Amino acid sequence: MHLTVGHKLFLMLVIVTGLVAFAMATFMSWSFERGFINYIEERKQERTDDFVQRLENYYRNNGSWAPLLDDRAAWLRLIFSDEPHEQDKPPRWIDRLMKESMRSPEPDEAHPDSQRPHLPIDKRVVLLSPTKQQLIGRVDNVAELEHFPIELDGEIVGYAGIRSGPPLERIVEARFLEKQHTMVIWIALATLLFSAALAIPIARRLVKPLKAFRRGSRALATGQYDTRIPVESNDELGQLARDFNSLAAALERTEAQRRQWVADTSHELRTPLSILRGEIEALQDGMRPFNKQAIDSLHGEIMRLNRLIDDLYELAQSDAGSLSYRPDEVEVGDVLEEVLNQYASEFEAHSIKPTLVIDDSTPEVIHADADRLAQLFRNLLGNALRYTDSGGCISISTSAAMDGHQIVIDFEDSAPGVPETELEHLFERFYRVESSRNRDSGGAGLGLSICRNIVAAHGGTISAHHSALGGLHVRVNLPVSQ
């Protein structure tokens, strides 16, 4: 049989409540019985002490037991009451007790297994002499009695003997205890039934969020990333709902980025292919002469397409963590100077003046991959070169971070600048500050995304700010050692 979570919760609540009810019923029965027995014993002791006190008072008033031996009514009054009767003739209740005391005791029908019959009270109480001889009462064996001394001025004048067998009151008490045990059992059963009735809505309430999670997960599995689960509490289930919504939002963003990535990639690939197709068809139709200028134009589009494919390949590798990194001791200043020398002719062609300032506090050596650092610096310099007006300048500086465990590399260029709202988007793929910028100068918008991946692979950070020179300021923080 397949049990759902709701069934399991219901059974768990009922079983736990049943165990608790059983334990409470057992403890309550035991505690009540112990307390009730103690109460009965205390009451018995009080009655015994009171009876002995009445016998002492009688002996003090009469000087002996002789008047009591022939006056059975007086003996019964001593047993049942401490108030003296002024009438010479015994009251009717005394006569009734005297008649009952003359009957032969019968076995207890409710407890036939009792070894001793239940005797009237006057046949369970015996007056004994100081030598424990029977004076009043009938008993077969004096040794079976509990003896309570009757003292007068420090002298024992007799004993009150009480038979220790099960008196009639004990049977009544036993029946009372039995009724209480039965009542406790019924209360436990009622509690169990009541808990079972309450367990049904409680189990449904607890399972309701789980059903929502199941529906939500199925929706996510089918691509419905806009699915959200209502947060109805602040407990673990509420936190789980918030985490589920965060996951769904992340998947929704990832799916949107994937679609944008596919659309942008298709667009970027379609543009040079469309140009190549148009120029080739123009050459085929004779609308354009087949000369060196046409060949150079076709070659330029092919190289642009090749750079785009290379950038896409590198970006895909860095996203998947497949770019190879061979960390070693690297002098950052030497790498920067080498990259600057590679761009010397382009700086001169655009009339852009580069400067490199290495602060004295800069760590001479860091633990990094020299080839990937060179790729990082080339992308940043290439980006600055493409977006800096002719006649401008590019400044590169290095310094040590305040904590002494990082190196700070700043790339700044002159106008044009970047709007404040665009800074946080610069490292997104295919993002350009001006969507209408010519691709001959602007590229595909993948260089800074690759830079971000290279910096992250080295355990560093990269950020974009406004430059004091009027253009863009890119700051790279790299750890000195990993």
Protein backbone atom coordinates (compact mmCIF):
# COMPACT_ATOMS: atom_id res chain seq x y z
CA MET A 1 0.00 0.00 0.00
CA HIS A 2 1.36 3.40 -1.01
CA LEU A 3 1.31 5.87 1.86
CA THR A 4 1.41 9.55 1.07
CA VAL A 5 3.11 12.11 3.27
CA GLY A 6 -0.31 13.14 4.57
CA HIS A 7 -1.08 9.57 5.63
CA LYS A 8 2.30 9.26 7.32
CA LEU A 9 1.81 12.52 9.19
CA PHE A 10 -1.66 11.44 10.28
CA LEU A 11 -0.41 8.07 11.54
CA MET A 12 2.53 9.72 13.27
CA LEU A 13 0.30 12.21 15.09
CA VAL A 14 -2.15 9.49 16.13
CA ILE A 15 0.58 7.11 17.30
CA VAL A 16 2.41 9.80 19.27
CA THR A 17 -0.83 11.00 20.85
CA GLY A 18 -1.81 7.41 21.65
CA LEU A 19 1.52 6.74 23.34
CA VAL A 20 1.28 9.96 25.32
CA ALA A 21 -2.34 9.21 26.31
CA PHE A 22 -1.38 5.67 27.38
CA ALA A 23 1.57 6.93 29.40
CA MET A 24 -0.55 9.64 31.04
CA ALA A 25 -3.35 7.18 31.81
CA THR A 26 -0.91 4.73 33.37
CA PHE A 27 0.79 7.42 35.41
CA MET A 28 -2.50 9.01 36.50
CA SER A 29 -3.90 5.62 37.57
CA TRP A 30 -0.77 4.79 39.52
CA SER A 31 -0.57 8.23 41.07
CA PHE A 32 -4.26 8.32 41.96
CA GLU A 33 -4.14 4.85 43.46
CA ARG A 34 -1.08 5.66 45.54
CA GLY A 35 -2.56 8.94 46.70
CA PHE A 36 -5.93 7.39 47.45
CA ILE A 37 -4.39 4.53 49.43
CA ASN A 38 -2.29 6.97 51.42
CA TYR A 39 -5.38 9.02 52.06
CA ILE A 40 -7.30 5.93 53.28
CA GLU A 41 -4.42 4.91 55.53
CA GLU A 42 -4.26 8.38 57.00
CA ARG A 43 -8.01 8.37 57.59
CA LYS A 44 -7.74 4.92 59.18
CA GLN A 45 -4.97 6.15 61.48
CA GLU A 46 -7.03 9.19 62.41
CA ARG A 47 -10.06 7.01 63.23
CA THR A 48 -7.91 4.60 65.21
CA ASP A 49 -6.30 7.41 67.20
CA ASP A 50 -9.73 8.90 67.83
CA PHE A 51 -11.09 5.52 68.97
CA VAL A 52 -8.16 4.95 71.33
CA GLN A 53 -8.64 8.45 72.72
CA ARG A 54 -12.31 7.72 73.42
CA LEU A 55 -11.35 4.52 75.24
CA GLU A 56 -8.83 6.45 77.35
CA ASN A 57 -11.49 9.01 78.22
CA TYR A 58 -13.94 6.23 79.15
CA TYR A 59 -11.41 4.55 81.46
CA ARG A 60 -10.52 7.87 83.05
CA ASN A 61 -14.19 8.64 83.72
CA ASN A 62 -15.14 5.17 85.01
CA GLY A 63 -11.89 3.98 86.58
CA SER A 64 -12.15 0.51 84.98
CA TRP A 65 -13.57 -1.47 82.07
CA ALA A 66 -16.19 -3.23 84.27
CA PRO A 67 -19.19 -1.01 83.37
CA LEU A 68 -18.40 -1.54 79.67
CA LEU A 69 -18.39 -5.33 79.83
CA ASP A 70 -22.15 -5.60 80.37
CA ASP A 71 -23.17 -2.54 78.30
CA ARG A 72 -22.86 -3.45 74.63
CA ALA A 73 -24.66 -0.26 73.57
CA ALA A 74 -22.01 1.80 75.29
CA TRP A 75 -19.33 -0.21 73.48
CA LEU A 76 -20.99 0.51 70.14
CA ARG A 77 -21.24 4.21 71.02
CA LEU A 78 -17.50 4.23 71.72
CA ILE A 79 -16.85 2.61 68.36
CA PHE A 80 -19.07 4.90 66.27
CA SER A 81 -19.25 8.19 68.14
CA ASP A 82 -17.43 10.16 70.77
CA GLU A 83 -20.63 11.93 71.89
CA PRO A 84 -22.08 10.48 75.16
CA HIS A 85 -25.74 9.39 75.02
CA GLU A 86 -27.81 10.83 77.82
CA GLN A 87 -30.67 8.36 77.36
CA ASP A 88 -30.56 5.14 79.35
CA LYS A 89 -32.17 3.22 76.53
CA PRO A 90 -29.94 2.72 73.51
CA PRO A 91 -31.11 4.52 70.35
CA ARG A 92 -32.58 2.60 67.43
CA TRP A 93 -29.33 2.63 65.43
CA ILE A 94 -27.61 0.94 68.36
CA ASP A 95 -30.31 -1.76 68.39
CA ARG A 96 -29.86 -2.31 64.67
CA LEU A 97 -26.10 -2.68 65.04
CA MET A 98 -26.59 -5.12 67.90
CA LYS A 99 -28.90 -7.26 65.77
CA GLU A 100 -26.49 -7.21 62.83
CA SER A 101 -23.62 -8.17 65.07
CA MET A 102 -25.51 -11.34 66.12
CA ARG A 103 -25.66 -12.61 62.51
CA SER A 104 -23.09 -14.90 61.08
CA PRO A 105 -20.84 -13.11 58.59
CA GLU A 106 -21.31 -13.99 54.95
CA PRO A 107 -18.60 -14.10 52.28
CA ASP A 108 -18.24 -11.07 50.02
CA GLU A 109 -20.14 -11.85 46.82
CA ALA A 110 -18.23 -9.27 44.80
CA HIS A 111 -14.91 -10.79 45.85
CA PRO A 112 -15.52 -14.53 46.38
CA ASP A 113 -11.78 -15.20 46.38
CA SER A 114 -11.30 -13.30 49.62
CA GLN A 115 -9.96 -15.64 52.28
CA ARG A 116 -11.66 -13.77 55.10
CA PRO A 117 -15.34 -12.69 55.21
CA HIS A 118 -16.09 -9.02 55.74
CA LEU A 119 -17.24 -8.54 59.30
CA PRO A 120 -19.36 -5.82 60.86
CA ILE A 121 -17.34 -3.08 62.48
CA ASP A 122 -18.16 -4.22 66.05
CA LYS A 123 -16.70 -7.65 65.28
CA ARG A 124 -13.49 -6.20 63.94
CA VAL A 125 -12.73 -4.10 67.01
CA VAL A 126 -11.76 -5.86 70.26
CA LEU A 127 -10.93 -4.54 73.71
CA LEU A 128 -8.01 -6.33 75.35
CA SER A 129 -6.72 -6.25 78.91
CA PRO A 130 -3.17 -5.06 79.71
CA THR A 131 -2.17 -8.72 79.35
CA LYS A 132 -3.90 -8.84 75.94
CA GLN A 133 -6.81 -10.96 77.12
CA GLN A 134 -10.13 -10.44 75.32
CA LEU A 135 -12.60 -8.31 77.27
CA ILE A 136 -15.06 -7.22 74.63
CA GLY A 137 -15.38 -8.60 71.12
CA ARG A 138 -14.93 -11.98 69.49
CA VAL A 139 -11.81 -13.08 67.69
CA ASP A 140 -10.31 -16.50 67.11
CA ASN A 141 -6.68 -15.48 67.08
CA VAL A 142 -5.46 -12.46 69.02
CA ALA A 143 -2.17 -12.55 67.06
CA GLU A 144 -4.04 -11.47 63.94
CA LEU A 145 -4.99 -8.16 65.53
CA GLU A 146 -3.18 -4.86 65.34
CA HIS A 147 -2.63 -3.75 68.94
CA PHE A 148 -2.93 -0.11 69.94
CA PRO A 149 -2.04 0.61 73.59
CA ILE A 150 -4.47 2.55 75.78
CA GLU A 151 -2.45 4.58 78.28
CA LEU A 152 -3.50 6.55 81.31
CA ASP A 153 -0.92 8.59 83.18
CA GLY A 154 1.86 6.57 81.58
CA GLU A 155 0.32 3.21 82.50
CA ILE A 156 -1.12 0.82 79.92
CA VAL A 157 -4.65 0.00 80.97
CA GLY A 158 -5.57 -2.05 77.92
CA TYR A 159 -5.26 -2.50 74.18
CA ALA A 160 -7.57 -1.75 71.28
CA GLY A 161 -7.30 -4.66 68.89
CA ILE A 162 -8.32 -4.13 65.27
CA ARG A 163 -8.60 -7.02 62.89
CA SER A 164 -6.26 -6.54 59.88
CA GLY A 165 -8.42 -8.41 57.38
CA PRO A 166 -10.10 -6.62 54.41
CA PRO A 167 -12.83 -4.51 55.92
CA LEU A 168 -15.99 -3.55 54.15
CA GLU A 169 -14.62 -0.08 53.52
CA ARG A 170 -11.64 -1.51 51.65
CA ILE A 171 -13.97 -3.28 49.23
CA VAL A 172 -15.83 -0.04 48.62
CA GLU A 173 -12.51 1.69 48.09
CA ALA A 174 -11.40 -1.04 45.68
CA ARG A 175 -14.58 -0.61 43.70
CA PHE A 176 -14.04 3.12 43.65
CA LEU A 177 -10.49 2.67 42.35
CA GLU A 178 -11.70 0.25 39.72
CA LYS A 179 -14.25 2.79 38.52
CA GLN A 180 -11.56 5.46 38.39
CA HIS A 181 -9.27 3.18 36.35
CA THR A 182 -12.11 2.54 33.93
CA MET A 183 -12.82 6.26 33.69
CA VAL A 184 -9.14 7.00 32.98
CA ILE A 185 -9.15 4.40 30.19
CA TRP A 186 -12.23 5.97 28.64
CA ILE A 187 -10.67 9.41 28.91
CA ALA A 188 -7.50 8.10 27.18
CA LEU A 189 -9.59 6.59 24.38
CA ALA A 190 -11.56 9.81 24.00
CA THR A 191 -8.31 11.75 23.87
CA LEU A 192 -6.99 9.42 21.18
CA LEU A 193 -10.16 9.80 19.10
CA PHE A 194 -10.10 13.57 19.55
CA SER A 195 -6.43 13.71 18.49
CA ALA A 196 -7.22 11.57 15.44
CA ALA A 197 -9.97 14.02 14.48
CA LEU A 198 -7.56 16.94 14.90
CA ALA A 199 -4.73 15.12 13.08
CA ILE A 200 -6.67 15.12 9.80
CA PRO A 201 -6.77 18.95 9.29
CA ILE A 202 -3.29 19.32 10.79
CA ALA A 203 -1.84 16.77 8.37
CA ARG A 204 -3.61 18.46 5.46
CA ARG A 205 -2.26 21.82 6.58
CA LEU A 206 1.30 20.51 6.79
CA VAL A 207 1.08 18.70 3.45
CA LYS A 208 -0.39 21.70 1.61
CA PRO A 209 3.01 23.43 1.11
CA LEU A 210 4.55 20.14 -0.04
CA LYS A 211 1.86 19.82 -2.71
CA ALA A 212 2.65 23.38 -3.78
CA PHE A 213 6.35 22.47 -4.04
CA ARG A 214 5.47 19.41 -6.12
CA ARG A 215 3.35 21.46 -8.52
CA GLY A 216 6.03 24.12 -8.71
CA SER A 217 8.85 21.67 -9.40
CA ARG A 218 6.81 20.01 -12.14
CA ALA A 219 6.15 23.42 -13.67
CA LEU A 220 9.86 24.25 -13.59
CA ALA A 221 10.65 20.89 -15.20
CA THR A 222 8.39 21.83 -18.13
CA GLY A 223 10.09 25.22 -18.59
CA GLN A 224 7.57 27.43 -16.76
CA TYR A 225 10.23 29.50 -15.01
CA ASP A 226 7.78 32.21 -13.97
CA THR A 227 6.29 29.79 -11.42
CA ARG A 228 6.29 31.08 -7.85
CA ILE A 229 5.14 29.55 -4.55
CA PRO A 230 3.32 31.78 -2.02
CA VAL A 231 5.24 32.30 1.21
CA GLU A 232 2.76 31.77 4.04
CA SER A 233 5.04 31.39 7.08
CA ASN A 234 8.42 32.31 8.52
CA ASP A 235 9.43 28.77 9.47
CA GLU A 236 11.55 26.27 7.51
CA LEU A 237 8.76 25.73 4.98
CA GLY A 238 8.51 29.46 4.42
CA GLN A 239 12.27 29.68 3.94
CA LEU A 240 12.11 26.74 1.55
CA ALA A 241 9.41 28.55 -0.43
CA ARG A 242 11.61 31.65 -0.62
CA ASP A 243 14.55 29.53 -1.77
CA PHE A 244 12.36 27.87 -4.38
CA ASN A 245 11.24 31.28 -5.67
CA SER A 246 14.86 32.44 -5.78
CA LEU A 247 15.78 29.33 -7.77
CA ALA A 248 12.88 29.89 -10.15
CA ALA A 249 13.90 33.54 -10.60
CA ALA A 250 17.49 32.50 -11.29
CA LEU A 251 16.33 29.94 -13.85
CA GLU A 252 14.09 32.56 -15.43
CA ARG A 253 17.01 34.98 -15.71
CA THR A 254 19.27 32.24 -17.06
CA GLU A 255 16.68 31.27 -19.65
CA ALA A 256 16.26 34.90 -20.66
CA GLN A 257 20.03 35.28 -20.93
CA ARG A 258 20.26 32.08 -22.96
CA ARG A 259 17.66 33.30 -25.39
CA GLN A 260 19.35 36.68 -25.60
CA TRP A 261 22.68 34.92 -26.10
CA VAL A 262 21.32 32.83 -28.96
CA ALA A 263 19.65 35.87 -30.52
CA ASP A 264 22.78 38.03 -30.18
CA THR A 265 25.06 35.31 -31.45
CA SER A 266 22.81 34.71 -34.45
CA HIS A 267 22.71 38.43 -35.13
CA GLU A 268 26.46 38.86 -34.80
CA LEU A 269 27.12 35.93 -37.13
CA ARG A 270 24.44 36.97 -39.59
CA THR A 271 25.86 40.48 -40.13
CA PRO A 272 29.29 39.57 -41.56
CA LEU A 273 27.78 36.65 -43.47
CA SER A 274 25.18 38.98 -45.02
CA ILE A 275 27.94 41.41 -46.02
CA LEU A 276 30.04 38.62 -47.49
CA ARG A 277 27.05 37.25 -49.39
CA GLY A 278 26.11 40.68 -50.73
CA GLU A 279 29.61 41.48 -51.93
CA ILE A 280 30.12 38.04 -53.49
CA GLU A 281 26.75 38.25 -55.28
CA ALA A 282 27.69 41.75 -56.48
CA LEU A 283 30.90 40.33 -57.89
CA GLN A 284 28.98 37.47 -59.52
CA ASP A 285 26.46 39.83 -61.10
CA GLY A 286 29.23 42.13 -62.35
CA MET A 287 27.89 45.03 -60.32
CA ARG A 288 31.23 45.37 -58.63
CA PRO A 289 34.61 44.97 -60.26
CA PHE A 290 36.75 42.05 -59.12
CA ASN A 291 39.87 43.91 -57.94
CA LYS A 292 42.17 44.22 -54.94
CA GLN A 293 39.77 46.52 -53.13
CA ALA A 294 36.98 43.93 -53.35
CA ILE A 295 39.32 41.19 -52.19
CA ASP A 296 40.45 43.33 -49.20
CA SER A 297 36.82 44.02 -48.27
CA LEU A 298 35.99 40.32 -48.35
CA HIS A 299 39.09 39.53 -46.33
CA GLY A 300 38.16 42.13 -43.71
CA GLU A 301 34.72 40.62 -43.23
CA ILE A 302 36.20 37.14 -42.96
CA MET A 303 38.69 38.31 -40.32
CA ARG A 304 35.90 40.03 -38.40
CA LEU A 305 33.90 36.82 -38.50
CA ASN A 306 36.97 34.88 -37.42
CA ARG A 307 37.52 37.19 -34.41
CA LEU A 308 33.89 36.81 -33.41
CA ILE A 309 34.11 33.02 -33.57
CA ASP A 310 37.35 33.08 -31.58
CA ASP A 311 35.75 35.30 -28.93
CA LEU A 312 32.72 33.04 -28.71
CA TYR A 313 34.95 30.01 -28.37
CA GLU A 314 37.04 31.60 -25.60
CA LEU A 315 33.96 32.80 -23.77
CA ALA A 316 32.36 29.35 -23.94
CA GLN A 317 35.58 27.79 -22.64
CA SER A 318 35.86 30.25 -19.76
CA ASP A 319 32.21 29.73 -18.82
CA ALA A 320 32.75 25.98 -18.72
CA GLY A 321 36.05 26.34 -16.84
CA SER A 322 37.90 24.73 -19.74
CA LEU A 323 40.45 27.51 -20.25
CA SER A 324 43.83 26.22 -19.20
CA TYR A 325 45.56 28.16 -16.41
CA ARG A 326 49.18 27.58 -15.54
CA PRO A 327 49.87 29.81 -12.53
CA ASP A 328 53.45 30.78 -11.91
CA GLU A 329 55.49 33.67 -10.52
CA VAL A 330 54.70 36.60 -12.83
CA GLU A 331 56.01 40.18 -12.92
CA VAL A 332 52.96 42.26 -13.78
CA GLY A 333 55.04 45.25 -14.90
CA ASP A 334 56.86 43.20 -17.54
CA VAL A 335 53.61 41.80 -18.91
CA LEU A 336 52.09 45.29 -19.16
CA GLU A 337 55.13 46.67 -20.95
CA GLU A 338 55.10 43.78 -23.45
CA VAL A 339 51.41 44.33 -24.25
CA LEU A 340 51.94 48.09 -24.61
CA ASN A 341 54.73 47.45 -27.10
CA GLN A 342 52.39 45.24 -29.13
CA TYR A 343 49.91 48.14 -29.45
CA ALA A 344 52.54 50.84 -30.07
CA SER A 345 51.80 51.15 -33.79
CA GLU A 346 48.03 51.37 -33.23
CA PHE A 347 48.47 54.03 -30.54
CA GLU A 348 50.58 56.02 -32.97
CA ALA A 349 48.06 55.55 -35.79
CA HIS A 350 45.24 56.95 -33.59
CA SER A 351 47.42 59.68 -32.06
CA ILE A 352 46.77 58.26 -28.57
CA LYS A 353 49.45 58.64 -25.92
CA PRO A 354 49.74 55.70 -23.47
CA THR A 355 51.43 56.01 -20.06
CA LEU A 356 52.44 53.31 -17.58
CA VAL A 357 53.05 54.14 -13.90
CA ILE A 358 54.20 51.40 -11.51
CA ASP A 359 54.00 52.52 -7.90
CA ASP A 360 56.81 51.62 -5.53
CA SER A 361 54.35 49.77 -3.31
CA THR A 362 53.37 47.41 -6.13
CA PRO A 363 54.31 43.77 -5.45
CA GLU A 364 57.00 42.79 -7.94
CA VAL A 365 55.70 39.25 -8.39
CA ILE A 366 52.23 37.69 -8.18
CA HIS A 367 51.07 34.10 -8.62
CA ALA A 368 49.14 34.03 -11.91
CA ASP A 369 49.07 32.76 -15.50
CA ALA A 370 51.20 35.07 -17.63
CA ASP A 371 49.41 34.22 -20.91
CA ARG A 372 45.96 34.84 -19.44
CA LEU A 373 47.13 38.11 -17.87
CA ALA A 374 48.47 39.19 -21.26
CA GLN A 375 45.09 38.29 -22.82
CA LEU A 376 43.33 40.30 -20.08
CA PHE A 377 45.53 43.36 -20.66
CA ARG A 378 45.17 43.12 -24.47
CA ASN A 379 41.39 43.05 -24.22
CA LEU A 380 41.33 46.06 -21.87
CA LEU A 381 43.80 48.04 -24.01
CA GLY A 382 41.99 47.07 -27.20
CA ASN A 383 38.69 48.21 -25.68
CA ALA A 384 40.24 51.51 -24.58
CA LEU A 385 41.83 52.00 -28.02
CA ARG A 386 38.52 51.43 -29.86
CA TYR A 387 36.51 53.80 -27.69
CA THR A 388 38.98 56.66 -27.18
CA ASP A 389 38.83 59.66 -29.49
CA SER A 390 41.86 60.39 -31.62
CA GLY A 391 44.36 62.61 -29.85
CA GLY A 392 43.36 61.31 -26.44
CA CYS A 393 45.35 59.40 -23.84
CA ILE A 394 45.36 56.08 -21.97
CA SER A 395 46.82 55.72 -18.48
CA ILE A 396 47.82 52.45 -16.85
CA SER A 397 48.95 52.32 -13.21
CA THR A 398 49.65 49.66 -10.62
CA SER A 399 49.69 49.83 -6.82
CA ALA A 400 49.22 47.66 -3.75
CA ALA A 401 45.86 47.34 -2.04
CA MET A 402 45.50 48.63 1.50
CA ASP A 403 45.44 45.10 2.93
CA GLY A 404 48.77 44.34 1.20
CA HIS A 405 47.46 41.04 -0.18
CA GLN A 406 46.27 42.32 -3.57
CA ILE A 407 47.63 44.25 -6.52
CA VAL A 408 45.49 46.99 -8.07
CA ILE A 409 45.76 47.66 -11.82
CA ASP A 410 43.91 50.71 -13.19
CA PHE A 411 43.15 51.32 -16.88
CA GLU A 412 41.87 54.86 -17.63
CA ASP A 413 41.17 56.58 -20.93
CA SER A 414 39.99 59.99 -22.09
CA ALA A 415 36.69 60.95 -23.67
CA PRO A 416 34.16 59.81 -24.60
CA GLY A 417 32.81 58.67 -21.25
CA VAL A 418 30.17 56.12 -20.28
CA PRO A 419 26.81 57.10 -18.70
CA GLU A 420 26.36 56.12 -15.08
CA THR A 421 23.48 53.79 -15.89
CA GLU A 422 25.62 51.87 -18.40
CA LEU A 423 28.61 51.12 -16.17
CA GLU A 424 27.12 48.03 -14.50
CA HIS A 425 26.28 46.49 -17.89
CA LEU A 426 29.70 46.79 -19.51
CA PHE A 427 30.74 43.24 -18.65
CA GLU A 428 27.59 41.69 -20.10
CA ARG A 429 27.91 39.74 -23.35
CA PHE A 430 27.22 41.56 -26.61
CA TYR A 431 26.60 44.75 -24.67
CA ARG A 432 27.57 48.06 -26.26
CA VAL A 433 27.11 51.50 -24.83
CA GLU A 434 25.91 52.63 -28.25
CA SER A 435 24.03 49.96 -30.12
CA SER A 436 24.47 51.89 -33.38
CA ARG A 437 28.29 52.01 -33.07
CA ASN A 438 30.08 50.68 -36.13
CA ARG A 439 31.35 47.16 -35.62
CA ASP A 440 34.57 48.12 -37.33
CA SER A 441 35.46 50.02 -34.20
CA GLY A 442 33.15 48.57 -31.60
CA GLY A 443 33.68 44.82 -31.92
CA ALA A 444 31.15 42.21 -30.83
CA GLY A 445 30.94 43.22 -27.18
CA LEU A 446 32.56 40.06 -25.79
CA GLY A 447 35.98 41.34 -24.75
CA LEU A 448 35.00 42.64 -21.31
CA SER A 449 32.99 39.49 -20.59
CA ILE A 450 36.11 37.42 -21.26
CA CYS A 451 38.09 39.80 -19.01
CA ARG A 452 35.64 39.24 -16.18
CA ASN A 453 36.01 35.45 -16.49
CA ILE A 454 39.81 35.62 -16.53
CA VAL A 455 39.88 37.83 -13.42
CA ALA A 456 37.39 35.57 -11.62
CA ALA A 457 39.52 32.53 -12.46
CA HIS A 458 42.45 34.23 -10.68
CA GLY A 459 40.29 34.95 -7.61
CA GLY A 460 40.14 38.69 -8.26
CA THR A 461 37.55 41.34 -9.09
CA ILE A 462 36.99 43.79 -11.93
CA SER A 463 34.82 46.91 -11.91
CA ALA A 464 34.03 49.94 -14.09
CA HIS A 465 33.98 53.59 -12.95
CA HIS A 466 34.18 57.08 -14.34
CA SER A 467 37.69 58.22 -15.20
CA ALA A 468 39.19 61.52 -14.14
CA LEU A 469 40.49 61.75 -17.75
CA GLY A 470 36.92 61.94 -19.03
CA GLY A 471 36.48 58.38 -20.23
CA LEU A 472 36.25 54.93 -18.63
CA HIS A 473 38.14 53.66 -15.59
CA VAL A 474 38.48 49.87 -15.26
CA ARG A 475 40.01 48.62 -12.01
CA VAL A 476 41.35 45.07 -11.63
CA ASN A 477 42.16 43.59 -8.21
CA LEU A 478 44.25 40.42 -8.24
CA PRO A 479 45.49 38.47 -5.22
CA VAL A 480 49.27 38.39 -4.80
CA SER A 481 49.19 34.65 -4.05
CA GLN A 482 46.54 31.92 -4.31
